[in-house]
C-alpha atoms as a PDB file:
ATOM      1  CA  MET A   1      37.244 131.511  94.999  1.00  0.00           C
ATOM      2  CA  ARG A   2      40.144 129.686  95.527  1.00  0.00           C
ATOM      3  CA  LYS A   3      43.125 129.115  93.209  1.00  0.00           C
ATOM      4  CA  ILE A   4      44.866 126.013  92.383  1.00  0.00           C
ATOM      5  CA  ILE A   5      48.036 126.222  92.292  1.00  0.00           C
ATOM      6  CA  VAL A   6      50.874 123.981  91.003  1.00  0.00           C
ATOM      7  CA  GLY A   7      54.211 123.420  93.151  1.00  0.00           C
ATOM      8  CA  ALA A   8      56.715 121.373  91.422  1.00  0.00           C
ATOM      9  CA  PHE A   9      60.487 120.389  90.893  1.00  0.00           C
ATOM     10  CA  VAL A  10      60.987 119.220  87.504  1.00  0.00           C
ATOM     11  CA  SER A  11      63.766 118.176  84.773  1.00  0.00           C
ATOM     12  CA  LEU A  12      64.259 119.840  82.050  1.00  0.00           C
ATOM     13  CA  ASP A  13      62.493 117.299  80.058  1.00  0.00           C
ATOM     14  CA  GLY A  14      59.506 117.819  82.258  1.00  0.00           C
ATOM     15  CA  VAL A  15      60.073 114.570  85.048  1.00  0.00           C
ATOM     16  CA  MET A  16      58.475 114.993  88.377  1.00  0.00           C
ATOM     17  CA  GLN A  17      59.124 111.632  89.852  1.00  0.00           C
ATOM     18  CA  ALA A  18      61.009 111.032  92.887  1.00  0.00           C
ATOM     19  CA  PRO A  19      63.149 114.373  93.640  1.00  0.00           C
ATOM     20  CA  GLY A  20      63.594 113.283  97.219  1.00  0.00           C
ATOM     21  CA  GLY A  21      65.075 110.054  97.212  1.00  0.00           C
ATOM     22  CA  PRO A  22      65.619 106.901  95.530  1.00  0.00           C
ATOM     23  CA  GLN A  23      63.161 105.041  97.595  1.00  0.00           C
ATOM     24  CA  GLU A  24      60.747 107.409  97.102  1.00  0.00           C
ATOM     25  CA  ASP A  25      58.958 106.194  93.881  1.00  0.00           C
ATOM     26  CA  PRO A  26      60.627 103.804  92.001  1.00  0.00           C
ATOM     27  CA  THR A  27      57.799 102.735  89.971  1.00  0.00           C
ATOM     28  CA  GLY A  28      58.181 102.053  86.105  1.00  0.00           C
ATOM     29  CA  GLY A  29      61.878 101.131  86.698  1.00  0.00           C
ATOM     30  CA  PHE A  30      62.920 104.848  87.643  1.00  0.00           C
ATOM     31  CA  ARG A  31      66.333 104.995  88.590  1.00  0.00           C
ATOM     32  CA  TYR A  32      67.235 108.281  89.581  1.00  0.00           C
ATOM     33  CA  GLY A  33      65.356 109.168  92.269  1.00  0.00           C
ATOM     34  CA  GLY A  34      66.942 112.060  94.642  1.00  0.00           C
ATOM     35  CA  TRP A  35      67.781 114.176  91.421  1.00  0.00           C
ATOM     36  CA  VAL A  36      67.573 117.398  93.300  1.00  0.00           C
ATOM     37  CA  ALA A  37      70.160 116.965  95.501  1.00  0.00           C
ATOM     38  CA  GLY A  38      73.197 117.957  93.868  1.00  0.00           C
ATOM     39  CA  HIS A  39      71.425 121.253  92.675  1.00  0.00           C
ATOM     40  CA  TRP A  40      70.083 122.192  96.062  1.00  0.00           C
ATOM     41  CA  ASP A  41      71.167 125.235  98.148  1.00  0.00           C
ATOM     42  CA  GLU A  42      70.035 127.824  99.832  1.00  0.00           C
ATOM     43  CA  ALA A  43      68.532 129.901  97.217  1.00  0.00           C
ATOM     44  CA  VAL A  44      66.193 126.586  96.467  1.00  0.00           C
ATOM     45  CA  GLY A  45      65.248 126.866 100.262  1.00  0.00           C
ATOM     46  CA  GLN A  46      64.171 130.836 100.205  1.00  0.00           C
ATOM     47  CA  ALA A  47      62.390 129.820  97.027  1.00  0.00           C
ATOM     48  CA  ILE A  48      60.053 127.351  98.632  1.00  0.00           C
ATOM     49  CA  GLY A  49      59.821 128.959 102.066  1.00  0.00           C
ATOM     50  CA  GLU A  50      58.206 131.790  99.705  1.00  0.00           C
ATOM     51  CA  ASN A  51      55.975 129.196  97.951  1.00  0.00           C
ATOM     52  CA  PHE A  52      54.953 128.147 101.192  1.00  0.00           C
ATOM     53  CA  ALA A  53      54.519 131.757 102.493  1.00  0.00           C
ATOM     54  CA  GLU A  54      50.676 132.037 101.775  1.00  0.00           C
ATOM     55  CA  PRO A  55      47.945 130.306 102.975  1.00  0.00           C
ATOM     56  CA  PHE A  56      47.033 126.862 101.243  1.00  0.00           C
ATOM     57  CA  ASP A  57      45.728 123.158 101.848  1.00  0.00           C
ATOM     58  CA  LEU A  58      46.889 120.420 100.139  1.00  0.00           C
ATOM     59  CA  LEU A  59      45.525 118.521  96.586  1.00  0.00           C
ATOM     60  CA  LEU A  60      47.154 114.921  96.500  1.00  0.00           C
ATOM     61  CA  GLY A  61      46.976 111.958  94.624  1.00  0.00           C
ATOM     62  CA  ARG A  62      47.026 108.604  96.816  1.00  0.00           C
ATOM     63  CA  ARG A  63      50.407 108.071  96.034  1.00  0.00           C
ATOM     64  CA  THR A  64      52.246 111.270  97.330  1.00  0.00           C
ATOM     65  CA  TYR A  65      49.782 111.824 100.159  1.00  0.00           C
ATOM     66  CA  ASP A  66      51.543 108.123 101.267  1.00  0.00           C
ATOM     67  CA  ILE A  67      55.038 109.278 100.781  1.00  0.00           C
ATOM     68  CA  PHE A  68      54.196 112.714 102.871  1.00  0.00           C
ATOM     69  CA  ALA A  69      51.884 110.862 105.775  1.00  0.00           C
ATOM     70  CA  ALA A  70      55.054 108.724 106.239  1.00  0.00           C
ATOM     71  CA  HIS A  71      57.846 111.494 106.063  1.00  0.00           C
ATOM     72  CA  TRP A  72      56.398 114.710 107.373  1.00  0.00           C
ATOM     73  CA  PRO A  73      54.670 113.817 110.812  1.00  0.00           C
ATOM     74  CA  HIS A  74      57.862 112.174 111.642  1.00  0.00           C
ATOM     75  CA  VAL A  75      60.289 115.328 111.232  1.00  0.00           C
ATOM     76  CA  GLN A  76      62.819 115.755 114.202  1.00  0.00           C
ATOM     77  CA  ILE A  77      61.512 118.552 116.150  1.00  0.00           C
ATOM     78  CA  ASP A  78      64.638 118.695 118.784  1.00  0.00           C
ATOM     79  CA  PRO A  79      66.762 121.449 118.132  1.00  0.00           C
ATOM     80  CA  SER A  80      69.609 119.451 120.131  1.00  0.00           C
ATOM     81  CA  ALA A  81      69.371 116.428 117.639  1.00  0.00           C
ATOM     82  CA  SER A  82      72.106 115.907 114.724  1.00  0.00           C
ATOM     83  CA  ASP A  83      69.146 115.705 111.874  1.00  0.00           C
ATOM     84  CA  PHE A  84      67.203 118.705 113.029  1.00  0.00           C
ATOM     85  CA  ASP A  85      66.508 121.299 110.344  1.00  0.00           C
ATOM     86  CA  ALA A  86      64.675 124.210 111.081  1.00  0.00           C
ATOM     87  CA  GLN A  87      63.079 124.559 107.771  1.00  0.00           C
ATOM     88  CA  ASN A  88      62.042 120.765 107.344  1.00  0.00           C
ATOM     89  CA  LEU A  89      60.312 121.348 110.608  1.00  0.00           C
ATOM     90  CA  ALA A  90      58.758 124.506 109.630  1.00  0.00           C
ATOM     91  CA  ILE A  91      57.142 122.641 106.504  1.00  0.00           C
ATOM     92  CA  ALA A  92      56.055 119.778 108.610  1.00  0.00           C
ATOM     93  CA  GLU A  93      54.582 122.174 110.985  1.00  0.00           C
ATOM     94  CA  ARG A  94      52.538 123.505 108.391  1.00  0.00           C
ATOM     95  CA  PHE A  95      51.814 120.470 106.696  1.00  0.00           C
ATOM     96  CA  ASN A  96      50.572 118.671 109.687  1.00  0.00           C
ATOM     97  CA  SER A  97      47.913 121.397 110.063  1.00  0.00           C
ATOM     98  CA  ILE A  98      46.340 122.272 106.770  1.00  0.00           C
ATOM     99  CA  THR A  99      43.527 120.134 105.175  1.00  0.00           C
ATOM    100  CA  LYS A 100      44.967 117.774 103.059  1.00  0.00           C
ATOM    101  CA  TYR A 101      42.211 116.587 100.106  1.00  0.00           C
ATOM    102  CA  VAL A 102      43.164 113.410  98.683  1.00  0.00           C
ATOM    103  CA  ALA A 103      42.172 111.600  95.548  1.00  0.00           C
ATOM    104  CA  THR A 104      42.090 108.127  97.031  1.00  0.00           C
ATOM    105  CA  HIS A 105      39.340 105.036  97.058  1.00  0.00           C
ATOM    106  CA  ARG A 106      39.934 104.305 100.541  1.00  0.00           C
ATOM    107  CA  PRO A 107      39.343 107.455 102.433  1.00  0.00           C
ATOM    108  CA  GLU A 108      38.678 105.931 105.673  1.00  0.00           C
ATOM    109  CA  SER A 109      42.329 104.898 105.632  1.00  0.00           C
ATOM    110  CA  LEU A 110      43.717 108.413 106.058  1.00  0.00           C
ATOM    111  CA  THR A 111      45.318 108.422 109.097  1.00  0.00           C
ATOM    112  CA  TRP A 112      47.323 111.576 108.813  1.00  0.00           C
ATOM    113  CA  GLN A 113      45.966 114.411 110.584  1.00  0.00           C
ATOM    114  CA  ASN A 114      43.406 117.000 108.747  1.00  0.00           C
ATOM    115  CA  SER A 115      43.238 114.688 105.890  1.00  0.00           C
ATOM    116  CA  GLN A 116      40.095 113.835 103.951  1.00  0.00           C
ATOM    117  CA  GLY A 117      39.274 112.082 100.895  1.00  0.00           C
ATOM    118  CA  LEU A 118      37.665 113.863  97.730  1.00  0.00           C
ATOM    119  CA  GLY A 119      34.606 112.194  96.527  1.00  0.00           C
ATOM    120  CA  ASP A 120      34.286 109.538  93.182  1.00  0.00           C
ATOM    121  CA  ASP A 121      34.455 112.213  91.042  1.00  0.00           C
ATOM    122  CA  VAL A 122      37.328 114.095  91.798  1.00  0.00           C
ATOM    123  CA  VAL A 123      37.289 116.489  89.448  1.00  0.00           C
ATOM    124  CA  ALA A 124      33.858 117.575  90.250  1.00  0.00           C
ATOM    125  CA  SER A 125      35.046 117.826  93.956  1.00  0.00           C
ATOM    126  CA  VAL A 126      38.083 120.113  93.109  1.00  0.00           C
ATOM    127  CA  ARG A 127      35.571 122.386  91.312  1.00  0.00           C
ATOM    128  CA  ALA A 128      33.300 122.623  94.396  1.00  0.00           C
ATOM    129  CA  LEU A 129      36.185 123.119  96.744  1.00  0.00           C
ATOM    130  CA  LYS A 130      37.550 125.509  94.250  1.00  0.00           C
ATOM    131  CA  GLN A 131      34.015 127.770  94.269  1.00  0.00           C
ATOM    132  CA  GLN A 132      34.507 127.528  98.356  1.00  0.00           C
ATOM    133  CA  ASP A 133      36.128 130.396 100.465  1.00  0.00           C
ATOM    134  CA  GLY A 134      39.304 129.551 101.982  1.00  0.00           C
ATOM    135  CA  PRO A 135      42.963 128.876 101.070  1.00  0.00           C
ATOM    136  CA  ASN A 136      44.751 128.350  97.845  1.00  0.00           C
ATOM    137  CA  LEU A 137      44.978 124.706  96.744  1.00  0.00           C
ATOM    138  CA  MET A 138      48.518 123.635  96.187  1.00  0.00           C
ATOM    139  CA  THR A 139      49.036 120.357  94.307  1.00  0.00           C
ATOM    140  CA  HIS A 140      52.616 118.797  94.971  1.00  0.00           C
ATOM    141  CA  GLY A 141      53.563 115.397  93.197  1.00  0.00           C
ATOM    142  CA  SER A 142      50.565 113.452  92.482  1.00  0.00           C
ATOM    143  CA  THR A 143      51.089 113.767  88.755  1.00  0.00           C
ATOM    144  CA  GLU A 144      47.922 111.710  88.244  1.00  0.00           C
ATOM    145  CA  LEU A 145      45.829 114.202  89.789  1.00  0.00           C
ATOM    146  CA  LEU A 146      47.504 116.938  88.527  1.00  0.00           C
ATOM    147  CA  HIS A 147      46.837 115.386  85.099  1.00  0.00           C
ATOM    148  CA  GLN A 148      42.902 115.551  85.710  1.00  0.00           C
ATOM    149  CA  LEU A 149      43.252 118.961  86.462  1.00  0.00           C
ATOM    150  CA  LEU A 150      45.207 120.048  83.772  1.00  0.00           C
ATOM    151  CA  ALA A 151      42.942 118.252  80.753  1.00  0.00           C
ATOM    152  CA  VAL A 152      39.938 120.566  82.173  1.00  0.00           C
ATOM    153  CA  GLY A 153      41.801 123.854  82.675  1.00  0.00           C
ATOM    154  CA  LEU A 154      41.826 123.906  86.489  1.00  0.00           C
ATOM    155  CA  VAL A 155      45.369 125.119  87.102  1.00  0.00           C
ATOM    156  CA  ASP A 156      45.107 128.859  87.861  1.00  0.00           C
ATOM    157  CA  ARG A 157      49.589 128.989  88.893  1.00  0.00           C
ATOM    158  CA  LEU A 158      52.188 127.298  88.183  1.00  0.00           C
ATOM    159  CA  GLN A 159      55.428 127.647  90.705  1.00  0.00           C
ATOM    160  CA  LEU A 160      58.111 125.679  88.840  1.00  0.00           C
ATOM    161  CA  ILE A 161      61.479 125.092  90.160  1.00  0.00           C
ATOM    162  CA  THR A 162      63.304 123.383  87.026  1.00  0.00           C
ATOM    163  CA  PHE A 163      67.009 121.668  87.560  1.00  0.00           C
ATOM    164  CA  PRO A 164      69.043 121.888  84.868  1.00  0.00           C
ATOM    165  CA  ILE A 165      69.206 117.649  84.028  1.00  0.00           C
ATOM    166  CA  VAL A 166      67.264 115.578  81.646  1.00  0.00           C
ATOM    167  CA  LEU A 167      66.047 111.896  82.976  1.00  0.00           C
ATOM    168  CA  GLY A 168      64.387 110.890  79.911  1.00  0.00           C
ATOM    169  CA  LYS A 169      61.944 108.590  81.716  1.00  0.00           C
ATOM    170  CA  GLY A 170      59.304 109.029  84.070  1.00  0.00           C
ATOM    171  CA  LYS A 171      56.170 110.635  85.383  1.00  0.00           C
ATOM    172  CA  ARG A 172      55.847 113.914  83.914  1.00  0.00           C
ATOM    173  CA  LEU A 173      54.591 117.354  84.933  1.00  0.00           C
ATOM    174  CA  PHE A 174      52.403 117.670  81.370  1.00  0.00           C
ATOM    175  CA  ASP A 175      50.721 114.560  79.431  1.00  0.00           C
ATOM    176  CA  GLU A 176      48.568 114.922  76.040  1.00  0.00           C
ATOM    177  CA  GLY A 177      45.586 115.583  77.901  1.00  0.00           C
ATOM    178  CA  SER A 178      46.463 119.304  79.080  1.00  0.00           C
ATOM    179  CA  GLU A 179      44.323 121.342  78.050  1.00  0.00           C
ATOM    180  CA  ALA A 180      45.810 124.067  75.537  1.00  0.00           C
ATOM    181  CA  ARG A 181      46.388 126.958  77.618  1.00  0.00           C
ATOM    182  CA  ALA A 182      48.496 130.210  77.880  1.00  0.00           C
ATOM    183  CA  PHE A 183      50.186 131.410  81.011  1.00  0.00           C
ATOM    184  CA  GLU A 184      52.419 134.485  81.764  1.00  0.00           C
ATOM    185  CA  LEU A 185      55.727 134.431  83.157  1.00  0.00           C
ATOM    186  CA  VAL A 186      55.196 136.892  86.570  1.00  0.00           C
ATOM    187  CA  LYS A 187      58.455 135.891  88.212  1.00  0.00           C
ATOM    188  CA  SER A 188      61.960 134.121  87.520  1.00  0.00           C
ATOM    189  CA  SER A 189      65.323 133.865  89.035  1.00  0.00           C
ATOM    190  CA  THR A 190      68.046 131.095  88.499  1.00  0.00           C
ATOM    191  CA  THR A 191      70.744 130.352  91.189  1.00  0.00           C
ATOM    192  CA  SER A 192      74.002 129.671  90.706  1.00  0.00           C
ATOM    193  CA  LYS A 193      73.714 125.951  90.450  1.00  0.00           C
ATOM    194  CA  GLY A 194      71.483 126.706  87.308  1.00  0.00           C
ATOM    195  CA  VAL A 195      68.007 126.089  88.732  1.00  0.00           C
ATOM    196  CA  VAL A 196      65.474 127.957  87.395  1.00  0.00           C
ATOM    197  CA  ILE A 197      62.987 129.338  89.785  1.00  0.00           C
ATOM    198  CA  SER A 198      59.648 130.638  87.715  1.00  0.00           C
ATOM    199  CA  SER A 199      56.457 131.241  88.823  1.00  0.00           C
ATOM    200  CA  TYR A 200      53.315 131.243  85.938  1.00  0.00           C
ATOM    201  CA  GLU A 201      50.061 132.757  86.006  1.00  0.00           C
ATOM    202  CA  ARG A 202      47.091 131.676  84.070  1.00  0.00           C
ATOM    203  CA  ALA A 203      46.048 134.064  80.700  1.00  0.00           C
ATOM    204  CA  GLY A 204      43.987 132.837  78.683  1.00  0.00           C
ATOM    205  CA  GLU A 205      43.855 130.939  75.224  1.00  0.00           C
ATOM    206  CA  VAL A 206      46.653 129.790  72.951  1.00  0.00           C
ATOM    207  CA  ALA A 207      47.121 132.680  70.174  1.00  0.00           C
ATOM    208  CA  THR A 208      48.247 131.759  66.867  1.00  0.00           C
ATOM    209  CA  ALA A 209      49.722 133.383  63.782  1.00  0.00           C
ATOM    210  CA  SER A 210      51.712 132.400  60.845  1.00  0.00           C
ATOM    211  CA  PHE A 211      54.961 133.111  59.483  1.00  0.00           C
ATOM    212  CA  ALA A 212      54.200 131.906  55.738  1.00  0.00           C
ATOM    213  CA  MET A 213      54.188 133.411  52.537  1.00  0.00           C
ATOM    214  CA  GLU A 214      50.563 135.431  52.036  1.00  0.00           C
ATOM    215  CA  ASN A 215      50.625 133.677  48.397  1.00  0.00           C
ATOM    216  CA  PRO A 216      52.543 130.097  49.331  1.00  0.00           C
ATOM    217  CA  THR A 217      54.210 128.335  46.151  1.00  0.00           C
ATOM    218  CA  ASP A 218      53.191 125.447  44.338  1.00  0.00           C
ATOM    219  CA  GLU A 219      55.908 123.658  46.329  1.00  0.00           C
ATOM    220  CA  GLU A 220      54.376 124.575  49.454  1.00  0.00           C
ATOM    221  CA  LEU A 221      51.090 123.721  47.896  1.00  0.00           C
ATOM    222  CA  GLU A 222      51.919 120.585  47.353  1.00  0.00           C
ATOM    223  CA  ARG A 223      53.560 119.814  50.910  1.00  0.00           C
ATOM    224  CA  ARG A 224      50.406 120.714  52.499  1.00  0.00           C
ATOM    225  CA  ARG A 225      48.253 118.118  50.256  1.00  0.00           C
ATOM    226  CA  GLU A 226      50.854 115.105  51.343  1.00  0.00           C
ATOM    227  CA  LEU A 227      50.059 116.140  55.120  1.00  0.00           C
ATOM    228  CA  SER A 228      46.182 116.137  54.247  1.00  0.00           C
END
């Protein structure tokens, strides 16, 4: 069985929108595109390399697919060029070669090599993919698709790179439809610029307990009545 892994850049308040640049996704009036740049360093690049070290295929929403398809197939491949970046080329070569499964109503318009549309029932399609043999399935961006997967408990691992900023507005990692679920922190580190790199594995149901008095006071009982 394949695992579904969420790879995400997030702000402290959980925003994922347009980390790469001002024109990446300004929908909804988002004004802070490119918010990761000021905190980028070698440690963040290394973490991304580690996240991509294992074999994987991509699960993408259509908007993120279009962003990726307009960029990664066109990365500079000439080492002598001024805009050449070896890590970008390595990512591009990986993304170009692997299968991209895309949530879209227009599968015939997927022109990036090795791309194919998910079925009309996206969740059922992803469930079927997960049951197959093959590399793990990784999401990037794709908040609408991600929210569908989180709502039905299909996410197995969260690989988060959390930046020390609050954006206040924008597309978020979690929404109110996310299924209640416990995760275990299995790896964590912090860069010199305060970026937290963490990995969480699915860990069962949410456990609850109470710090309330065994015998509640009259005031507490009244407080509870007023809430009901």
